[in-house]
Amino acid sequence: MRNGRVTGVVLEDGEQIDAPIVVTTLHPKTAFLDQLDERELPDDFVTDIKRWKTRSGVVKINLALSELPNFTADPCEGMGEHHTGSVEMAPSIEYMEEAFLEARAGRPATARSATA
């Protein structure tokens, strides 16, 4: 951090990579309380993050892009096979909610549909 802003990342080997914008997929508690020094953040923000009760560490982000991303790990021009994939987690929100409640109760999620 520099002047109250995240300016990049430091890798395990000590290499520092600067960036104008830093995006993380970490759970907010992990990102703000484990990856940053709390003293760099406003006290009321730290208090809010510590008190924040979450049901899941999963976050969905929708983005509008001006063009397809060109990934360093699989570069290509135009549409690549890796641009066409999707992840189907469940047939419905109800199905996911039931699986979550079973897991929270310490039971494995059943394979039946919540609407069946």
C-alpha atoms as a PDB file:
ATOM      1  CA  MET A   1       0.000   0.000   0.000  1.00  0.00           C
ATOM      2  CA  ARG A   2       1.100   3.507  -0.764  1.00  0.00           C
ATOM      3  CA  ASN A   3      -0.692   6.653   0.437  1.00  0.00           C
ATOM      4  CA  GLY A   4      -3.694   4.617   1.599  1.00  0.00           C
ATOM      5  CA  ARG A   5      -4.122   2.756  -1.710  1.00  0.00           C
ATOM      6  CA  VAL A   6      -3.276  -0.743  -2.819  1.00  0.00           C
ATOM      7  CA  THR A   7      -0.745  -0.386  -5.615  1.00  0.00           C
ATOM      8  CA  GLY A   8       0.028  -3.991  -6.479  1.00  0.00           C
ATOM      9  CA  VAL A   9       0.952  -7.338  -4.992  1.00  0.00           C
ATOM     10  CA  VAL A  10       4.038  -8.914  -3.484  1.00  0.00           C
ATOM     11  CA  LEU A  11       4.616 -12.540  -4.452  1.00  0.00           C
ATOM     12  CA  GLU A  12       5.946 -15.233  -2.110  1.00  0.00           C
ATOM     13  CA  ASP A  13       9.424 -14.888  -3.613  1.00  0.00           C
ATOM     14  CA  GLY A  14       9.387 -11.147  -2.815  1.00  0.00           C
ATOM     15  CA  GLU A  15       8.790  -9.951  -6.369  1.00  0.00           C
ATOM     16  CA  GLN A  16       6.535  -6.894  -6.396  1.00  0.00           C
ATOM     17  CA  ILE A  17       4.093  -6.337  -9.241  1.00  0.00           C
ATOM     18  CA  ASP A  18       2.632  -2.839  -9.461  1.00  0.00           C
ATOM     19  CA  ALA A  19      -0.804  -2.283 -10.991  1.00  0.00           C
ATOM     20  CA  PRO A  20      -3.156   0.694 -11.383  1.00  0.00           C
ATOM     21  CA  ILE A  21      -6.067  -1.493 -10.222  1.00  0.00           C
ATOM     22  CA  VAL A  22      -5.965  -4.558  -7.975  1.00  0.00           C
ATOM     23  CA  VAL A  23      -8.878  -6.994  -8.010  1.00  0.00           C
ATOM     24  CA  THR A  24      -9.166  -9.942  -5.657  1.00  0.00           C
ATOM     25  CA  THR A  25     -11.430 -12.976  -5.574  1.00  0.00           C
ATOM     26  CA  LEU A  26     -10.706 -13.561  -1.904  1.00  0.00           C
ATOM     27  CA  HIS A  27     -13.477 -13.437   0.658  1.00  0.00           C
ATOM     28  CA  PRO A  28     -13.591  -9.826   1.946  1.00  0.00           C
ATOM     29  CA  LYS A  29     -12.548 -10.882   5.476  1.00  0.00           C
ATOM     30  CA  THR A  30      -9.497 -12.651   4.055  1.00  0.00           C
ATOM     31  CA  ALA A  31      -8.664  -9.798   1.685  1.00  0.00           C
ATOM     32  CA  PHE A  32      -8.934  -6.989   4.220  1.00  0.00           C
ATOM     33  CA  LEU A  33      -7.958  -8.681   7.485  1.00  0.00           C
ATOM     34  CA  ASP A  34      -5.341 -11.233   6.390  1.00  0.00           C
ATOM     35  CA  GLN A  35      -3.771  -9.699   3.291  1.00  0.00           C
ATOM     36  CA  LEU A  36      -3.585  -6.080   4.461  1.00  0.00           C
ATOM     37  CA  ASP A  37      -2.320  -4.491   7.626  1.00  0.00           C
ATOM     38  CA  GLU A  38      -5.415  -3.380   9.572  1.00  0.00           C
ATOM     39  CA  ARG A  39      -3.601  -0.175  10.506  1.00  0.00           C
ATOM     40  CA  GLU A  40      -3.797   0.842   6.828  1.00  0.00           C
ATOM     41  CA  LEU A  41      -7.606   0.780   6.912  1.00  0.00           C
ATOM     42  CA  PRO A  42     -10.116   3.079   8.635  1.00  0.00           C
ATOM     43  CA  ASP A  43     -11.028   1.793  12.115  1.00  0.00           C
ATOM     44  CA  ASP A  44     -14.784   1.791  11.429  1.00  0.00           C
ATOM     45  CA  PHE A  45     -14.229  -0.239   8.239  1.00  0.00           C
ATOM     46  CA  VAL A  46     -12.132  -2.838  10.099  1.00  0.00           C
ATOM     47  CA  THR A  47     -14.820  -3.076  12.783  1.00  0.00           C
ATOM     48  CA  ASP A  48     -17.524  -3.571  10.131  1.00  0.00           C
ATOM     49  CA  ILE A  49     -15.531  -6.273   8.316  1.00  0.00           C
ATOM     50  CA  LYS A  50     -14.818  -8.111  11.582  1.00  0.00           C
ATOM     51  CA  ARG A  51     -18.529  -8.054  12.507  1.00  0.00           C
ATOM     52  CA  TRP A  52     -19.731  -8.966   9.014  1.00  0.00           C
ATOM     53  CA  LYS A  53     -21.632 -12.247   9.133  1.00  0.00           C
ATOM     54  CA  THR A  54     -21.559 -14.061   5.841  1.00  0.00           C
ATOM     55  CA  ARG A  55     -23.204 -17.247   4.757  1.00  0.00           C
ATOM     56  CA  SER A  56     -20.830 -17.983   1.919  1.00  0.00           C
ATOM     57  CA  GLY A  57     -17.421 -17.072   0.597  1.00  0.00           C
ATOM     58  CA  VAL A  58     -18.761 -17.133  -2.946  1.00  0.00           C
ATOM     59  CA  VAL A  59     -19.176 -13.895  -4.837  1.00  0.00           C
ATOM     60  CA  LYS A  60     -20.538 -13.470  -8.355  1.00  0.00           C
ATOM     61  CA  ILE A  61     -19.386 -10.526 -10.404  1.00  0.00           C
ATOM     62  CA  ASN A  62     -20.928  -9.527 -13.727  1.00  0.00           C
ATOM     63  CA  LEU A  63     -18.790  -7.372 -15.994  1.00  0.00           C
ATOM     64  CA  ALA A  64     -19.398  -5.610 -19.281  1.00  0.00           C
ATOM     65  CA  LEU A  65     -16.299  -5.740 -21.473  1.00  0.00           C
ATOM     66  CA  SER A  66     -15.533  -3.899 -24.686  1.00  0.00           C
ATOM     67  CA  GLU A  67     -13.930  -7.048 -26.132  1.00  0.00           C
ATOM     68  CA  LEU A  68     -13.136 -10.646 -25.284  1.00  0.00           C
ATOM     69  CA  PRO A  69     -10.307 -11.012 -22.770  1.00  0.00           C
ATOM     70  CA  ASN A  70      -6.972 -12.237 -24.106  1.00  0.00           C
ATOM     71  CA  PHE A  71      -5.678 -14.421 -21.281  1.00  0.00           C
ATOM     72  CA  THR A  72      -1.933 -14.713 -20.762  1.00  0.00           C
ATOM     73  CA  ALA A  73      -2.367 -18.415 -19.962  1.00  0.00           C
ATOM     74  CA  ASP A  74      -4.260 -19.099 -23.225  1.00  0.00           C
ATOM     75  CA  PRO A  75      -3.772 -16.198 -25.642  1.00  0.00           C
ATOM     76  CA  CYS A  76      -5.753 -15.995 -28.859  1.00  0.00           C
ATOM     77  CA  GLU A  77      -7.268 -13.455 -31.206  1.00  0.00           C
ATOM     78  CA  GLY A  78     -11.056 -13.490 -31.342  1.00  0.00           C
ATOM     79  CA  MET A  79     -13.217 -16.232 -29.885  1.00  0.00           C
ATOM     80  CA  GLY A  80     -11.322 -19.099 -28.270  1.00  0.00           C
ATOM     81  CA  GLU A  81     -12.650 -22.338 -26.836  1.00  0.00           C
ATOM     82  CA  HIS A  82     -12.024 -21.029 -23.322  1.00  0.00           C
ATOM     83  CA  HIS A  83     -14.463 -18.147 -23.970  1.00  0.00           C
ATOM     84  CA  THR A  84     -17.396 -20.525 -24.470  1.00  0.00           C
ATOM     85  CA  GLY A  85     -17.402 -22.408 -21.179  1.00  0.00           C
ATOM     86  CA  SER A  86     -19.853 -22.103 -18.354  1.00  0.00           C
ATOM     87  CA  VAL A  87     -20.277 -23.516 -14.884  1.00  0.00           C
ATOM     88  CA  GLU A  88     -23.643 -24.987 -14.000  1.00  0.00           C
ATOM     89  CA  MET A  89     -23.886 -25.382 -10.252  1.00  0.00           C
ATOM     90  CA  ALA A  90     -27.525 -26.379  -9.843  1.00  0.00           C
ATOM     91  CA  PRO A  91     -30.880 -26.418 -11.575  1.00  0.00           C
ATOM     92  CA  SER A  92     -32.383 -23.749  -9.302  1.00  0.00           C
ATOM     93  CA  ILE A  93     -31.781 -21.330  -6.443  1.00  0.00           C
ATOM     94  CA  GLU A  94     -33.967 -23.548  -4.237  1.00  0.00           C
ATOM     95  CA  TYR A  95     -31.739 -26.535  -4.999  1.00  0.00           C
ATOM     96  CA  MET A  96     -28.611 -24.590  -4.001  1.00  0.00           C
ATOM     97  CA  GLU A  97     -30.289 -23.274  -0.841  1.00  0.00           C
ATOM     98  CA  GLU A  98     -31.236 -26.805   0.245  1.00  0.00           C
ATOM     99  CA  ALA A  99     -27.690 -28.054  -0.394  1.00  0.00           C
ATOM    100  CA  PHE A 100     -26.289 -25.134   1.603  1.00  0.00           C
ATOM    101  CA  LEU A 101     -28.622 -25.776   4.549  1.00  0.00           C
ATOM    102  CA  GLU A 102     -27.665 -29.465   4.582  1.00  0.00           C
ATOM    103  CA  ALA A 103     -23.958 -28.609   4.516  1.00  0.00           C
ATOM    104  CA  ARG A 104     -24.389 -26.039   7.284  1.00  0.00           C
ATOM    105  CA  ALA A 105     -26.124 -28.716   9.380  1.00  0.00           C
ATOM    106  CA  GLY A 106     -23.073 -30.956   8.871  1.00  0.00           C
ATOM    107  CA  ARG A 107     -24.759 -33.315   6.412  1.00  0.00           C
ATOM    108  CA  PRO A 108     -23.668 -34.050   2.854  1.00  0.00           C
ATOM    109  CA  ALA A 109     -25.861 -32.385   0.271  1.00  0.00           C
ATOM    110  CA  THR A 110     -28.377 -34.786  -1.230  1.00  0.00           C
ATOM    111  CA  ALA A 111     -28.768 -35.165  -4.975  1.00  0.00           C
ATOM    112  CA  ARG A 112     -32.536 -34.618  -4.992  1.00  0.00           C
ATOM    113  CA  SER A 113     -34.090 -31.434  -6.306  1.00  0.00           C
ATOM    114  CA  ALA A 114     -35.644 -29.076  -3.786  1.00  0.00           C
ATOM    115  CA  THR A 115     -38.709 -28.832  -6.011  1.00  0.00           C
ATOM    116  CA  ALA A 116     -39.181 -32.613  -6.447  1.00  0.00           C
END
